[in-house]
Amino acid sequence: MIHKLALILIVISFTFTLGACGDTWSGLKKDTGENMEKTGGAIEDAGTKVKE
């Protein structure tokens, strides 16, 4: 009985851990995309100022 309970708790913990990792990965991809867009805009602005 105790072994079964321990196994269930391990499976539940593993499931929550994988879910949290998935959310973190999604957030990281979103943040990276936004940062790349901002960096691209800054590079374009710098290029425009150099041409002036």
N, C-alpha and C. Protein backbone atom coordinates (compact mmCIF):
# COMPACT_ATOMS: atom_id res chain seq x y z
N MET A 1 0.83 -1.20 0.00
CA MET A 1 0.00 0.00 0.00
C MET A 1 0.87 1.26 0.00
N ILE A 2 1.90 1.29 0.81
CA ILE A 2 2.77 2.46 0.90
C ILE A 2 3.54 2.64 -0.41
N HIS A 3 3.95 1.54 -1.03
CA HIS A 3 4.68 1.62 -2.29
C HIS A 3 3.80 2.21 -3.39
N LYS A 4 2.53 1.83 -3.39
CA LYS A 4 1.60 2.33 -4.38
C LYS A 4 1.40 3.84 -4.20
N LEU A 5 1.25 4.28 -2.97
CA LEU A 5 1.07 5.69 -2.66
C LEU A 5 2.32 6.49 -3.06
N ALA A 6 3.47 5.96 -2.77
CA ALA A 6 4.72 6.63 -3.15
C ALA A 6 4.83 6.74 -4.66
N LEU A 7 4.47 5.70 -5.37
CA LEU A 7 4.51 5.72 -6.83
C LEU A 7 3.55 6.77 -7.39
N ILE A 8 2.37 6.84 -6.83
CA ILE A 8 1.39 7.83 -7.28
C ILE A 8 1.92 9.24 -7.04
N LEU A 9 2.50 9.49 -5.88
CA LEU A 9 3.05 10.80 -5.56
C LEU A 9 4.21 11.17 -6.50
N ILE A 10 5.03 10.20 -6.84
CA ILE A 10 6.14 10.44 -7.76
C ILE A 10 5.60 10.79 -9.15
N VAL A 11 4.61 10.08 -9.61
CA VAL A 11 4.03 10.35 -10.93
C VAL A 11 3.40 11.74 -10.95
N ILE A 12 2.67 12.11 -9.90
CA ILE A 12 2.06 13.43 -9.83
C ILE A 12 3.13 14.51 -9.82
N SER A 13 4.16 14.34 -9.04
CA SER A 13 5.25 15.31 -8.98
C SER A 13 5.93 15.46 -10.34
N PHE A 14 6.18 14.35 -11.00
CA PHE A 14 6.81 14.35 -12.32
C PHE A 14 5.94 15.10 -13.33
N THR A 15 4.63 14.89 -13.27
CA THR A 15 3.69 15.54 -14.17
C THR A 15 3.72 17.06 -13.97
N PHE A 16 3.68 17.51 -12.72
CA PHE A 16 3.73 18.95 -12.44
C PHE A 16 5.06 19.55 -12.87
N THR A 17 6.14 18.82 -12.68
CA THR A 17 7.46 19.31 -13.09
C THR A 17 7.52 19.50 -14.60
N LEU A 18 7.03 18.54 -15.35
CA LEU A 18 7.03 18.66 -16.81
C LEU A 18 6.14 19.81 -17.27
N GLY A 19 5.02 20.00 -16.60
CA GLY A 19 4.13 21.11 -16.94
C GLY A 19 4.80 22.44 -16.70
N ALA A 20 5.49 22.58 -15.59
CA ALA A 20 6.19 23.82 -15.28
C ALA A 20 7.30 24.09 -16.28
N CYS A 21 8.02 23.05 -16.67
CA CYS A 21 9.09 23.22 -17.66
C CYS A 21 8.53 23.68 -19.00
N GLY A 22 7.39 23.14 -19.38
CA GLY A 22 6.75 23.53 -20.64
C GLY A 22 6.35 25.00 -20.62
N ASP A 23 5.80 25.46 -19.49
CA ASP A 23 5.42 26.87 -19.38
C ASP A 23 6.65 27.77 -19.42
N THR A 24 7.71 27.35 -18.77
CA THR A 24 8.95 28.13 -18.77
C THR A 24 9.51 28.23 -20.18
N TRP A 25 9.51 27.13 -20.91
CA TRP A 25 10.04 27.11 -22.27
C TRP A 25 9.22 28.03 -23.17
N SER A 26 7.90 27.99 -23.03
CA SER A 26 7.04 28.87 -23.84
C SER A 26 7.31 30.33 -23.54
N GLY A 27 7.46 30.66 -22.27
CA GLY A 27 7.76 32.03 -21.88
C GLY A 27 9.11 32.48 -22.39
N LEU A 28 10.07 31.59 -22.33
CA LEU A 28 11.42 31.91 -22.81
C LEU A 28 11.41 32.19 -24.30
N LYS A 29 10.71 31.38 -25.07
CA LYS A 29 10.63 31.60 -26.52
C LYS A 29 9.96 32.94 -26.83
N LYS A 30 8.88 33.25 -26.10
CA LYS A 30 8.18 34.51 -26.32
C LYS A 30 9.08 35.69 -26.00
N ASP A 31 9.74 35.65 -24.86
CA ASP A 31 10.63 36.74 -24.45
C ASP A 31 11.79 36.92 -25.43
N THR A 32 12.34 35.82 -25.89
CA THR A 32 13.45 35.89 -26.84
C THR A 32 13.00 36.54 -28.14
N GLY A 33 11.83 36.17 -28.61
CA GLY A 33 11.29 36.76 -29.83
C GLY A 33 11.08 38.26 -29.69
N GLU A 34 10.53 38.67 -28.55
CA GLU A 34 10.31 40.10 -28.33
C GLU A 34 11.64 40.85 -28.25
N ASN A 35 12.61 40.27 -27.59
CA ASN A 35 13.92 40.91 -27.49
C ASN A 35 14.60 41.02 -28.85
N MET A 36 14.45 40.01 -29.69
CA MET A 36 15.03 40.06 -31.03
C MET A 36 14.40 41.18 -31.85
N GLU A 37 13.09 41.35 -31.72
CA GLU A 37 12.41 42.42 -32.45
C GLU A 37 12.91 43.79 -31.99
N LYS A 38 13.06 43.97 -30.68
CA LYS A 38 13.54 45.24 -30.15
C LYS A 38 14.98 45.51 -30.60
N THR A 39 15.80 44.47 -30.60
CA THR A 39 17.19 44.62 -31.03
C THR A 39 17.25 44.99 -32.51
N GLY A 40 16.43 44.35 -33.32
CA GLY A 40 16.38 44.67 -34.75
C GLY A 40 15.98 46.12 -34.97
N GLY A 41 15.00 46.59 -34.20
CA GLY A 41 14.57 47.99 -34.32
C GLY A 41 15.69 48.95 -33.93
N ALA A 42 16.42 48.61 -32.88
CA ALA A 42 17.52 49.47 -32.43
C ALA A 42 18.64 49.51 -33.48
N ILE A 43 18.90 48.38 -34.11
CA ILE A 43 19.94 48.33 -35.16
C ILE A 43 19.51 49.18 -36.36
N GLU A 44 18.24 49.10 -36.73
CA GLU A 44 17.74 49.91 -37.85
C GLU A 44 17.85 51.40 -37.52
N ASP A 45 17.50 51.78 -36.29
CA ASP A 45 17.62 53.19 -35.87
C ASP A 45 19.07 53.66 -35.91
N ALA A 46 19.96 52.81 -35.45
CA ALA A 46 21.38 53.17 -35.47
C ALA A 46 21.87 53.32 -36.91
N GLY A 47 21.44 52.46 -37.79
CA GLY A 47 21.82 52.56 -39.20
C GLY A 47 21.32 53.84 -39.83
N THR A 48 20.11 54.23 -39.49
CA THR A 48 19.52 55.46 -40.01
C THR A 48 20.33 56.67 -39.53
N LYS A 49 20.72 56.68 -38.27
CA LYS A 49 21.49 57.79 -37.72
C LYS A 49 22.87 57.88 -38.34
N VAL A 50 23.45 56.74 -38.66
CA VAL A 50 24.78 56.73 -39.28
C VAL A 50 24.71 57.33 -40.69
N LYS A 51 23.62 57.04 -41.41
CA LYS A 51 23.45 57.55 -42.77
C LYS A 51 23.26 59.06 -42.78
N GLU A 52 22.69 59.62 -41.71
CA GLU A 52 22.40 61.06 -41.67
C GLU A 52 23.63 61.81 -41.52
